[in-house]
Amino acid sequence: MRRRHRGDSGQAFPIYITVVAGLLFLALAYLAVGQAGVNRSGAQTAADAAALAAAQDKRDQLAGLWAEDLKDPAEWKDIFLGNSPVADSCWRAGELAEENDARLDGCRPVSPLRFEAEVTTDKSVGDSVVPGTESVHSTASAVAEIEPLCTFPGEDAKGDPLPELTCDGKIWKLDPDDRAGLPQPEDLFDVHLAER
């Protein structure tokens, strides 16, 4: 019969503890990466919402101008190109960023029909095994674009009777006395996220 050497017994236990501690550390590190990913995703959602909100506000203002200048088709081109003066729309971007637990760091029109918004999340990544993450806040930016959907006769078109407006394949016969029957902002313009 063989005899066990007492000096060899129990050597696997410290190795087991070391392996378990290493795996636990890796799991916590992956959790920290996951937390950062969720925080970053929240920042991107807030930036997207902010840019879209600014673009939608300008779209609504342009549609309002179009309805006001309905009898003057010579003005339509500037309205559909976004060149007509309207109030600043970035206030709306700030509201949407706030609703998505972020603050608006910047908002600006990058062209008459495009807005860029930059945000920082209110919540930090949080405590984790990675030092310094408790004070790190995610940032993101997004660009939204207003796309005119309508075509119409040129600037020389007369206002009486009004020319037909074709928007996304639908023909509108315009009647200034029937405001309820006029195209809505979403009929005149599409708003969507765009590449930077």
N, C-alpha and C. Protein backbone atom coordinates (compact mmCIF):
# COMPACT_ATOMS: atom_id res chain seq x y z
N MET A 1 0.82 -1.19 0.00
CA MET A 1 0.00 0.00 0.00
C MET A 1 0.85 1.24 0.00
N ARG A 2 0.32 2.22 -0.77
CA ARG A 2 1.04 3.48 -0.81
C ARG A 2 0.60 4.36 0.33
N ARG A 3 1.49 5.13 0.76
CA ARG A 3 1.17 6.11 1.79
C ARG A 3 1.17 7.49 1.18
N ARG A 4 0.18 8.28 1.59
CA ARG A 4 0.15 9.67 1.13
C ARG A 4 1.15 10.49 1.89
N HIS A 5 1.72 11.41 1.17
CA HIS A 5 2.61 12.36 1.84
C HIS A 5 1.76 13.51 2.32
N ARG A 6 1.81 13.79 3.58
CA ARG A 6 0.99 14.84 4.16
C ARG A 6 1.33 16.21 3.58
N GLY A 7 2.49 16.46 3.12
CA GLY A 7 2.89 17.76 2.60
C GLY A 7 2.15 18.15 1.32
N ASP A 8 1.63 17.14 0.56
CA ASP A 8 0.95 17.42 -0.70
C ASP A 8 -0.53 17.75 -0.52
N SER A 9 -1.10 17.37 0.58
CA SER A 9 -2.55 17.55 0.74
C SER A 9 -2.90 19.03 0.92
N GLY A 10 -4.01 19.45 0.29
CA GLY A 10 -4.51 20.82 0.43
C GLY A 10 -3.85 21.84 -0.49
N GLN A 11 -3.00 21.41 -1.41
CA GLN A 11 -2.36 22.36 -2.32
C GLN A 11 -3.32 22.89 -3.38
N ALA A 12 -4.37 22.15 -3.67
CA ALA A 12 -5.32 22.59 -4.70
C ALA A 12 -6.20 23.74 -4.19
N PHE A 13 -6.41 23.82 -2.89
CA PHE A 13 -7.32 24.83 -2.35
C PHE A 13 -6.86 26.26 -2.63
N PRO A 14 -5.60 26.64 -2.41
CA PRO A 14 -5.18 28.01 -2.74
C PRO A 14 -5.29 28.31 -4.24
N ILE A 15 -5.04 27.33 -5.08
CA ILE A 15 -5.18 27.53 -6.53
C ILE A 15 -6.65 27.77 -6.87
N TYR A 16 -7.52 26.98 -6.25
CA TYR A 16 -8.97 27.13 -6.46
C TYR A 16 -9.42 28.54 -6.05
N ILE A 17 -8.98 29.01 -4.91
CA ILE A 17 -9.34 30.36 -4.43
C ILE A 17 -8.84 31.42 -5.41
N THR A 18 -7.62 31.27 -5.89
CA THR A 18 -7.04 32.24 -6.83
C THR A 18 -7.83 32.28 -8.14
N VAL A 19 -8.20 31.11 -8.66
CA VAL A 19 -8.96 31.04 -9.90
C VAL A 19 -10.34 31.67 -9.71
N VAL A 20 -11.01 31.37 -8.61
CA VAL A 20 -12.34 31.92 -8.34
C VAL A 20 -12.26 33.45 -8.20
N ALA A 21 -11.24 33.94 -7.49
CA ALA A 21 -11.07 35.39 -7.32
C ALA A 21 -10.83 36.06 -8.68
N GLY A 22 -10.02 35.41 -9.52
CA GLY A 22 -9.76 35.96 -10.86
C GLY A 22 -11.03 36.00 -11.71
N LEU A 23 -11.82 34.94 -11.66
CA LEU A 23 -13.07 34.91 -12.42
C LEU A 23 -14.06 35.95 -11.90
N LEU A 24 -14.10 36.12 -10.59
CA LEU A 24 -14.99 37.12 -10.01
C LEU A 24 -14.58 38.53 -10.45
N PHE A 25 -13.27 38.78 -10.46
CA PHE A 25 -12.78 40.08 -10.92
C PHE A 25 -13.15 40.31 -12.39
N LEU A 26 -12.97 39.27 -13.23
CA LEU A 26 -13.33 39.40 -14.64
C LEU A 26 -14.82 39.67 -14.81
N ALA A 27 -15.65 38.99 -14.01
CA ALA A 27 -17.11 39.21 -14.09
C ALA A 27 -17.45 40.64 -13.72
N LEU A 28 -16.80 41.17 -12.69
CA LEU A 28 -17.06 42.56 -12.28
C LEU A 28 -16.56 43.54 -13.33
N ALA A 29 -15.44 43.22 -13.97
CA ALA A 29 -14.93 44.08 -15.04
C ALA A 29 -15.90 44.10 -16.22
N TYR A 30 -16.45 42.91 -16.58
CA TYR A 30 -17.44 42.86 -17.66
C TYR A 30 -18.70 43.63 -17.28
N LEU A 31 -19.07 43.57 -16.01
CA LEU A 31 -20.23 44.33 -15.54
C LEU A 31 -19.98 45.83 -15.72
N ALA A 32 -18.76 46.27 -15.40
CA ALA A 32 -18.42 47.69 -15.56
C ALA A 32 -18.51 48.10 -17.03
N VAL A 33 -18.03 47.22 -17.92
CA VAL A 33 -18.12 47.51 -19.35
C VAL A 33 -19.57 47.58 -19.78
N GLY A 34 -20.40 46.67 -19.24
CA GLY A 34 -21.83 46.68 -19.54
C GLY A 34 -22.50 47.96 -19.06
N GLN A 35 -22.15 48.39 -17.83
CA GLN A 35 -22.70 49.64 -17.30
C GLN A 35 -22.34 50.82 -18.20
N ALA A 36 -21.10 50.84 -18.63
CA ALA A 36 -20.64 51.93 -19.51
C ALA A 36 -21.40 51.89 -20.84
N GLY A 37 -21.64 50.68 -21.36
CA GLY A 37 -22.37 50.55 -22.61
C GLY A 37 -23.81 51.04 -22.49
N VAL A 38 -24.45 50.70 -21.39
CA VAL A 38 -25.83 51.16 -21.16
C VAL A 38 -25.86 52.67 -21.03
N ASN A 39 -24.90 53.23 -20.32
CA ASN A 39 -24.84 54.69 -20.14
C ASN A 39 -24.61 55.38 -21.47
N ARG A 40 -23.74 54.81 -22.29
CA ARG A 40 -23.44 55.37 -23.61
C ARG A 40 -24.67 55.30 -24.51
N SER A 41 -25.39 54.19 -24.43
CA SER A 41 -26.61 54.04 -25.22
C SER A 41 -27.65 55.08 -24.81
N GLY A 42 -27.75 55.34 -23.50
CA GLY A 42 -28.67 56.37 -23.02
C GLY A 42 -28.29 57.75 -23.54
N ALA A 43 -26.99 58.02 -23.60
CA ALA A 43 -26.52 59.30 -24.12
C ALA A 43 -26.88 59.45 -25.59
N GLN A 44 -26.72 58.37 -26.36
CA GLN A 44 -27.03 58.44 -27.79
C GLN A 44 -28.53 58.64 -28.02
N THR A 45 -29.34 57.97 -27.20
CA THR A 45 -30.79 58.15 -27.30
C THR A 45 -31.17 59.61 -27.04
N ALA A 46 -30.56 60.20 -26.00
CA ALA A 46 -30.84 61.60 -25.67
C ALA A 46 -30.39 62.53 -26.78
N ALA A 47 -29.23 62.27 -27.38
CA ALA A 47 -28.73 63.11 -28.48
C ALA A 47 -29.64 63.01 -29.70
N ASP A 48 -30.06 61.78 -30.02
CA ASP A 48 -30.97 61.59 -31.15
C ASP A 48 -32.27 62.36 -30.94
N ALA A 49 -32.83 62.21 -29.73
CA ALA A 49 -34.10 62.89 -29.42
C ALA A 49 -33.94 64.40 -29.49
N ALA A 50 -32.82 64.92 -29.00
CA ALA A 50 -32.60 66.37 -29.00
C ALA A 50 -32.48 66.91 -30.42
N ALA A 51 -31.69 66.24 -31.26
CA ALA A 51 -31.52 66.71 -32.64
C ALA A 51 -32.85 66.64 -33.41
N LEU A 52 -33.59 65.55 -33.21
CA LEU A 52 -34.88 65.41 -33.89
C LEU A 52 -35.87 66.48 -33.41
N ALA A 53 -35.84 66.79 -32.12
CA ALA A 53 -36.76 67.79 -31.58
C ALA A 53 -36.50 69.16 -32.18
N ALA A 54 -35.23 69.54 -32.31
CA ALA A 54 -34.90 70.84 -32.91
C ALA A 54 -35.35 70.88 -34.37
N ALA A 55 -35.11 69.79 -35.10
CA ALA A 55 -35.50 69.74 -36.51
C ALA A 55 -37.02 69.78 -36.65
N GLN A 56 -37.73 69.07 -35.78
CA GLN A 56 -39.19 69.07 -35.87
C GLN A 56 -39.77 70.44 -35.54
N ASP A 57 -39.15 71.14 -34.59
CA ASP A 57 -39.64 72.48 -34.27
C ASP A 57 -39.47 73.41 -35.48
N LYS A 58 -38.31 73.33 -36.14
CA LYS A 58 -38.12 74.18 -37.32
C LYS A 58 -39.08 73.76 -38.44
N ARG A 59 -39.28 72.46 -38.61
CA ARG A 59 -40.24 71.99 -39.61
C ARG A 59 -41.61 72.60 -39.37
N ASP A 60 -42.05 72.59 -38.11
CA ASP A 60 -43.38 73.14 -37.79
C ASP A 60 -43.44 74.64 -38.08
N GLN A 61 -42.34 75.34 -37.78
CA GLN A 61 -42.30 76.78 -38.06
C GLN A 61 -42.34 77.04 -39.57
N LEU A 62 -41.60 76.25 -40.33
CA LEU A 62 -41.60 76.42 -41.79
C LEU A 62 -42.98 76.12 -42.38
N ALA A 63 -43.62 75.08 -41.85
CA ALA A 63 -44.97 74.76 -42.32
C ALA A 63 -45.94 75.89 -42.00
N GLY A 64 -45.78 76.51 -40.84
CA GLY A 64 -46.61 77.66 -40.47
C GLY A 64 -46.39 78.84 -41.41
N LEU A 65 -45.11 79.08 -41.74
CA LEU A 65 -44.80 80.17 -42.69
C LEU A 65 -45.42 79.89 -44.06
N TRP A 66 -45.33 78.63 -44.49
CA TRP A 66 -45.90 78.27 -45.78
C TRP A 66 -47.41 78.55 -45.79
N ALA A 67 -48.09 78.19 -44.70
CA ALA A 67 -49.54 78.44 -44.63
C ALA A 67 -49.83 79.94 -44.65
N GLU A 68 -48.98 80.74 -44.00
CA GLU A 68 -49.17 82.19 -44.00
C GLU A 68 -48.96 82.78 -45.40
N ASP A 69 -47.96 82.25 -46.12
CA ASP A 69 -47.63 82.75 -47.46
C ASP A 69 -48.27 81.93 -48.56
N LEU A 70 -49.34 81.24 -48.21
CA LEU A 70 -49.99 80.34 -49.16
C LEU A 70 -50.35 81.03 -50.47
N LYS A 71 -50.79 82.28 -50.39
CA LYS A 71 -51.24 82.98 -51.60
C LYS A 71 -50.10 83.58 -52.40
N ASP A 72 -48.87 83.38 -51.92
CA ASP A 72 -47.71 83.94 -52.62
C ASP A 72 -46.71 82.82 -52.96
N PRO A 73 -46.98 82.05 -54.01
CA PRO A 73 -46.11 80.92 -54.37
C PRO A 73 -44.65 81.30 -54.60
N ALA A 74 -44.39 82.58 -54.87
CA ALA A 74 -43.00 83.01 -55.07
C ALA A 74 -42.17 82.82 -53.79
N GLU A 75 -42.83 82.78 -52.63
CA GLU A 75 -42.13 82.61 -51.35
C GLU A 75 -41.89 81.14 -50.99
N TRP A 76 -42.59 80.25 -51.67
CA TRP A 76 -42.54 78.84 -51.28
C TRP A 76 -41.14 78.24 -51.37
N LYS A 77 -40.40 78.60 -52.39
CA LYS A 77 -39.08 77.99 -52.59
C LYS A 77 -38.18 78.22 -51.38
N ASP A 78 -38.09 79.46 -50.90
CA ASP A 78 -37.25 79.75 -49.73
C ASP A 78 -37.72 79.00 -48.50
N ILE A 79 -39.02 78.85 -48.36
CA ILE A 79 -39.55 78.12 -47.21
C ILE A 79 -39.14 76.66 -47.28
N PHE A 80 -39.31 76.03 -48.44
CA PHE A 80 -38.98 74.61 -48.56
C PHE A 80 -37.48 74.34 -48.53
N LEU A 81 -36.68 75.34 -48.82
CA LEU A 81 -35.22 75.19 -48.69
C LEU A 81 -34.73 75.54 -47.30
N GLY A 82 -35.63 75.99 -46.43
CA GLY A 82 -35.27 76.35 -45.06
C GLY A 82 -34.61 77.70 -44.93
N ASN A 83 -34.68 78.52 -45.97
CA ASN A 83 -33.99 79.81 -45.95
C ASN A 83 -34.83 80.94 -45.35
N SER A 84 -36.09 80.71 -45.10
CA SER A 84 -36.93 81.75 -44.50
C SER A 84 -36.61 81.87 -43.02
N PRO A 85 -36.57 83.11 -42.50
CA PRO A 85 -36.21 83.29 -41.10
C PRO A 85 -37.29 82.76 -40.14
N VAL A 86 -36.86 81.99 -39.16
CA VAL A 86 -37.75 81.47 -38.11
C VAL A 86 -37.03 81.60 -36.78
N ALA A 87 -37.75 81.40 -35.69
CA ALA A 87 -37.16 81.48 -34.35
C ALA A 87 -36.21 80.29 -34.12
N ASP A 88 -35.30 80.46 -33.16
CA ASP A 88 -34.35 79.40 -32.82
C ASP A 88 -35.10 78.17 -32.31
N SER A 89 -34.69 77.01 -32.77
CA SER A 89 -35.37 75.76 -32.40
C SER A 89 -34.63 74.94 -31.35
N CYS A 90 -33.46 75.40 -30.93
CA CYS A 90 -32.64 74.59 -30.01
C CYS A 90 -33.23 74.50 -28.60
N TRP A 91 -34.14 75.40 -28.25
CA TRP A 91 -34.78 75.29 -26.93
C TRP A 91 -35.48 73.94 -26.81
N ARG A 92 -36.04 73.47 -27.91
CA ARG A 92 -36.77 72.19 -27.90
C ARG A 92 -35.79 71.03 -27.71
N ALA A 93 -34.59 71.17 -28.27
CA ALA A 93 -33.57 70.13 -28.09
C ALA A 93 -33.21 69.99 -26.62
N GLY A 94 -33.10 71.12 -25.92
CA GLY A 94 -32.79 71.09 -24.48
C GLY A 94 -33.86 70.38 -23.69
N GLU A 95 -35.12 70.61 -24.04
CA GLU A 95 -36.22 69.93 -23.34
C GLU A 95 -36.15 68.42 -23.50
N LEU A 96 -35.91 67.98 -24.73
CA LEU A 96 -35.86 66.53 -24.98
C LEU A 96 -34.64 65.87 -24.35
N ALA A 97 -33.52 66.58 -24.32
CA ALA A 97 -32.34 66.03 -23.64
C ALA A 97 -32.65 65.83 -22.16
N GLU A 98 -33.30 66.82 -21.56
CA GLU A 98 -33.66 66.75 -20.14
C GLU A 98 -34.61 65.59 -19.87
N GLU A 99 -35.58 65.39 -20.75
CA GLU A 99 -36.53 64.28 -20.58
C GLU A 99 -35.84 62.93 -20.67
N ASN A 100 -34.65 62.88 -21.28
CA ASN A 100 -33.89 61.64 -21.41
C ASN A 100 -32.70 61.60 -20.45
N ASP A 101 -32.82 62.32 -19.32
CA ASP A 101 -31.79 62.31 -18.27
C ASP A 101 -30.42 62.73 -18.78
N ALA A 102 -30.39 63.81 -19.53
CA ALA A 102 -29.12 64.34 -20.04
C ALA A 102 -29.21 65.86 -20.10
N ARG A 103 -28.06 66.49 -20.27
CA ARG A 103 -28.06 67.94 -20.45
C ARG A 103 -27.53 68.25 -21.85
N LEU A 104 -28.08 69.30 -22.43
CA LEU A 104 -27.68 69.70 -23.77
C LEU A 104 -26.41 70.52 -23.68
N ASP A 105 -25.33 70.03 -24.30
CA ASP A 105 -24.05 70.75 -24.31
C ASP A 105 -23.94 71.69 -25.50
N GLY A 106 -24.63 71.34 -26.58
CA GLY A 106 -24.56 72.17 -27.77
C GLY A 106 -25.65 71.80 -28.75
N CYS A 107 -26.14 72.81 -29.44
CA CYS A 107 -27.14 72.61 -30.49
C CYS A 107 -26.92 73.71 -31.51
N ARG A 108 -26.86 73.31 -32.77
CA ARG A 108 -26.64 74.32 -33.80
C ARG A 108 -27.14 73.81 -35.14
N PRO A 109 -27.62 74.73 -35.96
CA PRO A 109 -27.94 74.33 -37.33
C PRO A 109 -26.65 74.22 -38.13
N VAL A 110 -26.42 73.07 -38.74
CA VAL A 110 -25.22 72.89 -39.57
C VAL A 110 -25.50 73.26 -41.02
N SER A 111 -26.78 73.43 -41.35
CA SER A 111 -27.24 73.96 -42.63
C SER A 111 -28.68 74.39 -42.41
N PRO A 112 -29.32 75.04 -43.36
CA PRO A 112 -30.69 75.48 -43.10
C PRO A 112 -31.66 74.36 -42.72
N LEU A 113 -31.37 73.12 -43.14
CA LEU A 113 -32.29 72.02 -42.86
C LEU A 113 -31.67 70.89 -42.04
N ARG A 114 -30.57 71.19 -41.33
CA ARG A 114 -29.92 70.17 -40.49
C ARG A 114 -29.53 70.75 -39.14
N PHE A 115 -29.73 69.95 -38.08
CA PHE A 115 -29.35 70.36 -36.73
C PHE A 115 -28.45 69.30 -36.12
N GLU A 116 -27.45 69.77 -35.37
CA GLU A 116 -26.59 68.87 -34.61
C GLU A 116 -26.78 69.16 -33.13
N ALA A 117 -26.92 68.10 -32.33
CA ALA A 117 -27.06 68.25 -30.88
C ALA A 117 -26.01 67.40 -30.18
N GLU A 118 -25.47 67.93 -29.07
CA GLU A 118 -24.48 67.20 -28.27
C GLU A 118 -24.99 67.18 -26.83
N VAL A 119 -24.92 66.02 -26.19
CA VAL A 119 -25.43 65.88 -24.83
C VAL A 119 -24.44 65.14 -23.94
N THR A 120 -24.64 65.30 -22.61
CA THR A 120 -23.92 64.54 -21.60
C THR A 120 -24.95 63.97 -20.63
N THR A 121 -24.80 62.71 -20.27
CA THR A 121 -25.77 62.08 -19.38
C THR A 121 -25.67 62.68 -17.97
N ASP A 122 -26.82 62.73 -17.28
CA ASP A 122 -26.84 63.19 -15.89
C ASP A 122 -26.22 62.14 -14.97
N LYS A 123 -26.48 60.87 -15.28
CA LYS A 123 -25.98 59.78 -14.44
C LYS A 123 -24.58 59.37 -14.88
N SER A 124 -23.74 59.07 -13.90
CA SER A 124 -22.39 58.60 -14.23
C SER A 124 -22.44 57.10 -14.51
N VAL A 125 -21.31 56.57 -14.96
CA VAL A 125 -21.22 55.13 -15.20
C VAL A 125 -21.43 54.37 -13.90
N GLY A 126 -20.99 54.93 -12.76
CA GLY A 126 -21.22 54.31 -11.45
C GLY A 126 -19.98 53.62 -10.91
N ASP A 127 -20.07 53.18 -9.66
CA ASP A 127 -18.96 52.49 -9.00
C ASP A 127 -18.72 51.14 -9.65
N SER A 128 -17.48 50.81 -9.83
CA SER A 128 -17.12 49.49 -10.37
C SER A 128 -15.68 49.19 -9.99
N VAL A 129 -15.19 48.04 -10.45
CA VAL A 129 -13.80 47.66 -10.17
C VAL A 129 -12.82 48.51 -10.96
N VAL A 130 -13.33 49.23 -11.97
CA VAL A 130 -12.47 50.10 -12.75
C VAL A 130 -12.41 51.46 -12.05
N PRO A 131 -11.23 51.89 -11.61
CA PRO A 131 -11.14 53.14 -10.85
C PRO A 131 -11.56 54.36 -11.66
N GLY A 132 -12.26 55.29 -11.00
CA GLY A 132 -12.62 56.56 -11.62
C GLY A 132 -13.94 56.57 -12.37
N THR A 133 -14.61 55.42 -12.50
CA THR A 133 -15.85 55.39 -13.29
C THR A 133 -17.01 56.09 -12.58
N GLU A 134 -16.91 56.26 -11.27
CA GLU A 134 -18.02 56.88 -10.54
C GLU A 134 -18.26 58.34 -10.94
N SER A 135 -17.28 58.96 -11.59
CA SER A 135 -17.45 60.36 -11.99
C SER A 135 -17.47 60.54 -13.52
N VAL A 136 -17.52 59.43 -14.24
CA VAL A 136 -17.51 59.51 -15.70
C VAL A 136 -18.95 59.57 -16.24
N HIS A 137 -19.23 60.56 -17.06
CA HIS A 137 -20.54 60.72 -17.70
C HIS A 137 -20.37 60.52 -19.20
N SER A 138 -21.29 59.81 -19.81
CA SER A 138 -21.21 59.56 -21.26
C SER A 138 -21.66 60.78 -22.05
N THR A 139 -21.05 60.95 -23.22
CA THR A 139 -21.44 62.03 -24.13
C THR A 139 -21.79 61.41 -25.49
N ALA A 140 -22.61 62.13 -26.24
CA ALA A 140 -22.97 61.67 -27.58
C ALA A 140 -23.45 62.86 -28.40
N SER A 141 -23.45 62.68 -29.70
CA SER A 141 -23.97 63.73 -30.59
C SER A 141 -24.79 63.07 -31.70
N ALA A 142 -25.66 63.87 -32.31
CA ALA A 142 -26.50 63.37 -33.39
C ALA A 142 -26.85 64.51 -34.32
N VAL A 143 -27.16 64.16 -35.56
CA VAL A 143 -27.59 65.14 -36.56
C VAL A 143 -28.96 64.71 -37.09
N ALA A 144 -29.88 65.66 -37.16
CA ALA A 144 -31.20 65.40 -37.73
C ALA A 144 -31.40 66.32 -38.93
N GLU A 145 -32.13 65.82 -39.90
CA GLU A 145 -32.32 66.54 -41.16
C GLU A 145 -33.80 66.70 -41.47
N ILE A 146 -34.15 67.86 -42.01
CA ILE A 146 -35.49 68.13 -42.50
C ILE A 146 -35.45 67.96 -44.02
N GLU A 147 -36.29 67.08 -44.52
CA GLU A 147 -36.29 66.83 -45.97
C GLU A 147 -37.61 67.30 -46.58
N PRO A 148 -37.57 68.28 -47.49
CA PRO A 148 -38.80 68.72 -48.16
C PRO A 148 -39.38 67.59 -49.00
N LEU A 149 -40.68 67.40 -48.93
CA LEU A 149 -41.33 66.31 -49.66
C LEU A 149 -42.10 66.80 -50.89
N CYS A 150 -42.11 68.12 -51.12
CA CYS A 150 -43.04 68.68 -52.12
C CYS A 150 -42.32 69.28 -53.32
N THR A 151 -43.02 69.23 -54.43
CA THR A 151 -42.60 69.93 -55.65
C THR A 151 -43.78 70.80 -56.10
N PHE A 152 -43.45 71.87 -56.77
CA PHE A 152 -44.47 72.82 -57.21
C PHE A 152 -43.92 73.63 -58.37
N PRO A 153 -44.80 74.35 -59.10
CA PRO A 153 -44.31 75.19 -60.19
C PRO A 153 -43.32 76.24 -59.69
N GLY A 154 -42.55 76.79 -60.58
CA GLY A 154 -41.50 77.76 -60.21
C GLY A 154 -42.03 79.05 -59.63
N GLU A 155 -41.10 79.98 -59.38
CA GLU A 155 -41.41 81.23 -58.72
C GLU A 155 -42.35 82.12 -59.54
N ASP A 156 -42.44 81.87 -60.83
CA ASP A 156 -43.29 82.72 -61.67
C ASP A 156 -44.76 82.29 -61.61
N ALA A 157 -45.06 81.23 -60.81
CA ALA A 157 -46.45 80.80 -60.71
C ALA A 157 -47.28 81.88 -60.04
N LYS A 158 -48.46 82.08 -60.56
CA LYS A 158 -49.35 83.10 -60.00
C LYS A 158 -50.16 82.50 -58.85
N GLY A 159 -50.61 83.37 -57.95
CA GLY A 159 -51.32 82.90 -56.77
C GLY A 159 -52.81 82.70 -56.97
N ASP A 160 -53.36 82.97 -58.14
CA ASP A 160 -54.81 82.82 -58.31
C ASP A 160 -55.11 82.22 -59.68
N PRO A 161 -55.53 80.98 -59.79
CA PRO A 161 -55.67 80.04 -58.66
C PRO A 161 -54.30 79.54 -58.21
N LEU A 162 -54.26 78.98 -57.02
CA LEU A 162 -52.99 78.48 -56.49
C LEU A 162 -52.52 77.28 -57.29
N PRO A 163 -51.20 77.15 -57.50
CA PRO A 163 -50.70 75.96 -58.20
C PRO A 163 -50.88 74.72 -57.33
N GLU A 164 -50.91 73.57 -57.98
CA GLU A 164 -51.00 72.32 -57.24
C GLU A 164 -49.66 72.04 -56.55
N LEU A 165 -49.74 71.39 -55.43
CA LEU A 165 -48.55 71.01 -54.67
C LEU A 165 -48.51 69.48 -54.65
N THR A 166 -47.40 68.91 -55.07
CA THR A 166 -47.26 67.46 -55.04
C THR A 166 -46.28 67.09 -53.94
N CYS A 167 -46.79 66.36 -52.93
CA CYS A 167 -45.96 65.99 -51.78
C CYS A 167 -45.92 64.48 -51.64
N ASP A 168 -44.74 63.91 -51.82
CA ASP A 168 -44.54 62.48 -51.68
C ASP A 168 -45.55 61.69 -52.51
N GLY A 169 -45.79 62.16 -53.74
CA GLY A 169 -46.68 61.47 -54.66
C GLY A 169 -48.15 61.87 -54.56
N LYS A 170 -48.52 62.61 -53.52
CA LYS A 170 -49.91 63.03 -53.36
C LYS A 170 -50.08 64.45 -53.90
N ILE A 171 -51.11 64.66 -54.68
CA ILE A 171 -51.38 65.99 -55.24
C ILE A 171 -52.39 66.72 -54.36
N TRP A 172 -52.00 67.93 -53.94
CA TRP A 172 -52.87 68.76 -53.11
C TRP A 172 -53.41 69.91 -53.95
N LYS A 173 -54.73 70.01 -54.01
CA LYS A 173 -55.37 71.18 -54.62
C LYS A 173 -55.62 72.16 -53.49
N LEU A 174 -54.93 73.27 -53.51
CA LEU A 174 -54.89 74.18 -52.36
C LEU A 174 -56.03 75.19 -52.41
N ASP A 175 -56.70 75.32 -51.27
CA ASP A 175 -57.79 76.29 -51.14
C ASP A 175 -57.52 77.14 -49.90
N PRO A 176 -57.16 78.42 -50.08
CA PRO A 176 -56.86 79.28 -48.93
C PRO A 176 -58.02 79.42 -47.95
N ASP A 177 -59.24 79.18 -48.42
CA ASP A 177 -60.40 79.30 -47.54
C ASP A 177 -60.68 78.02 -46.76
N ASP A 178 -59.93 76.96 -47.06
CA ASP A 178 -60.12 75.68 -46.37
C ASP A 178 -58.83 75.30 -45.66
N ARG A 179 -58.56 75.97 -44.55
CA ARG A 179 -57.30 75.73 -43.83
C ARG A 179 -57.20 74.30 -43.31
N ALA A 180 -58.33 73.72 -42.95
CA ALA A 180 -58.31 72.35 -42.43
C ALA A 180 -57.90 71.34 -43.50
N GLY A 181 -58.09 71.70 -44.75
CA GLY A 181 -57.76 70.78 -45.84
C GLY A 181 -56.35 70.93 -46.36
N LEU A 182 -55.55 71.82 -45.74
CA LEU A 182 -54.17 72.02 -46.19
C LEU A 182 -53.27 70.92 -45.67
N PRO A 183 -52.16 70.66 -46.35
CA PRO A 183 -51.20 69.67 -45.86
C PRO A 183 -50.67 70.06 -44.48
N GLN A 184 -50.43 69.06 -43.65
CA GLN A 184 -49.85 69.26 -42.33
C GLN A 184 -48.32 69.27 -42.43
N PRO A 185 -47.64 69.72 -41.35
CA PRO A 185 -46.16 69.76 -41.41
C PRO A 185 -45.53 68.44 -41.86
N GLU A 186 -46.08 67.31 -41.36
CA GLU A 186 -45.51 66.01 -41.74
C GLU A 186 -45.80 65.64 -43.18
N ASP A 187 -46.78 66.31 -43.80
CA ASP A 187 -47.03 66.09 -45.24
C ASP A 187 -46.02 66.88 -46.09
N LEU A 188 -45.57 68.00 -45.56
CA LEU A 188 -44.67 68.89 -46.30
C LEU A 188 -43.20 68.51 -46.17
N PHE A 189 -42.84 68.02 -44.96
CA PHE A 189 -41.43 67.74 -44.66
C PHE A 189 -41.31 66.41 -43.90
N ASP A 190 -40.22 65.71 -44.17
CA ASP A 190 -39.87 64.52 -43.37
C ASP A 190 -38.70 64.93 -42.47
N VAL A 191 -38.71 64.43 -41.24
CA VAL A 191 -37.60 64.69 -40.31
C VAL A 191 -37.00 63.34 -39.92
N HIS A 192 -35.69 63.20 -40.07
CA HIS A 192 -35.04 61.94 -39.73
C HIS A 192 -33.59 62.19 -39.31
N LEU A 193 -33.02 61.20 -38.66
CA LEU A 193 -31.60 61.28 -38.28
C LEU A 193 -30.76 61.14 -39.55
N ALA A 194 -29.60 61.79 -39.52
CA ALA A 194 -28.73 61.80 -40.70
C ALA A 194 -27.29 61.49 -40.29
N GLU A 195 -26.50 61.11 -41.26
CA GLU A 195 -25.06 60.91 -41.02
C GLU A 195 -24.41 62.27 -40.80
N ARG A 196 -23.35 62.28 -40.02
CA ARG A 196 -22.65 63.54 -39.76
C ARG A 196 -21.81 63.93 -40.94
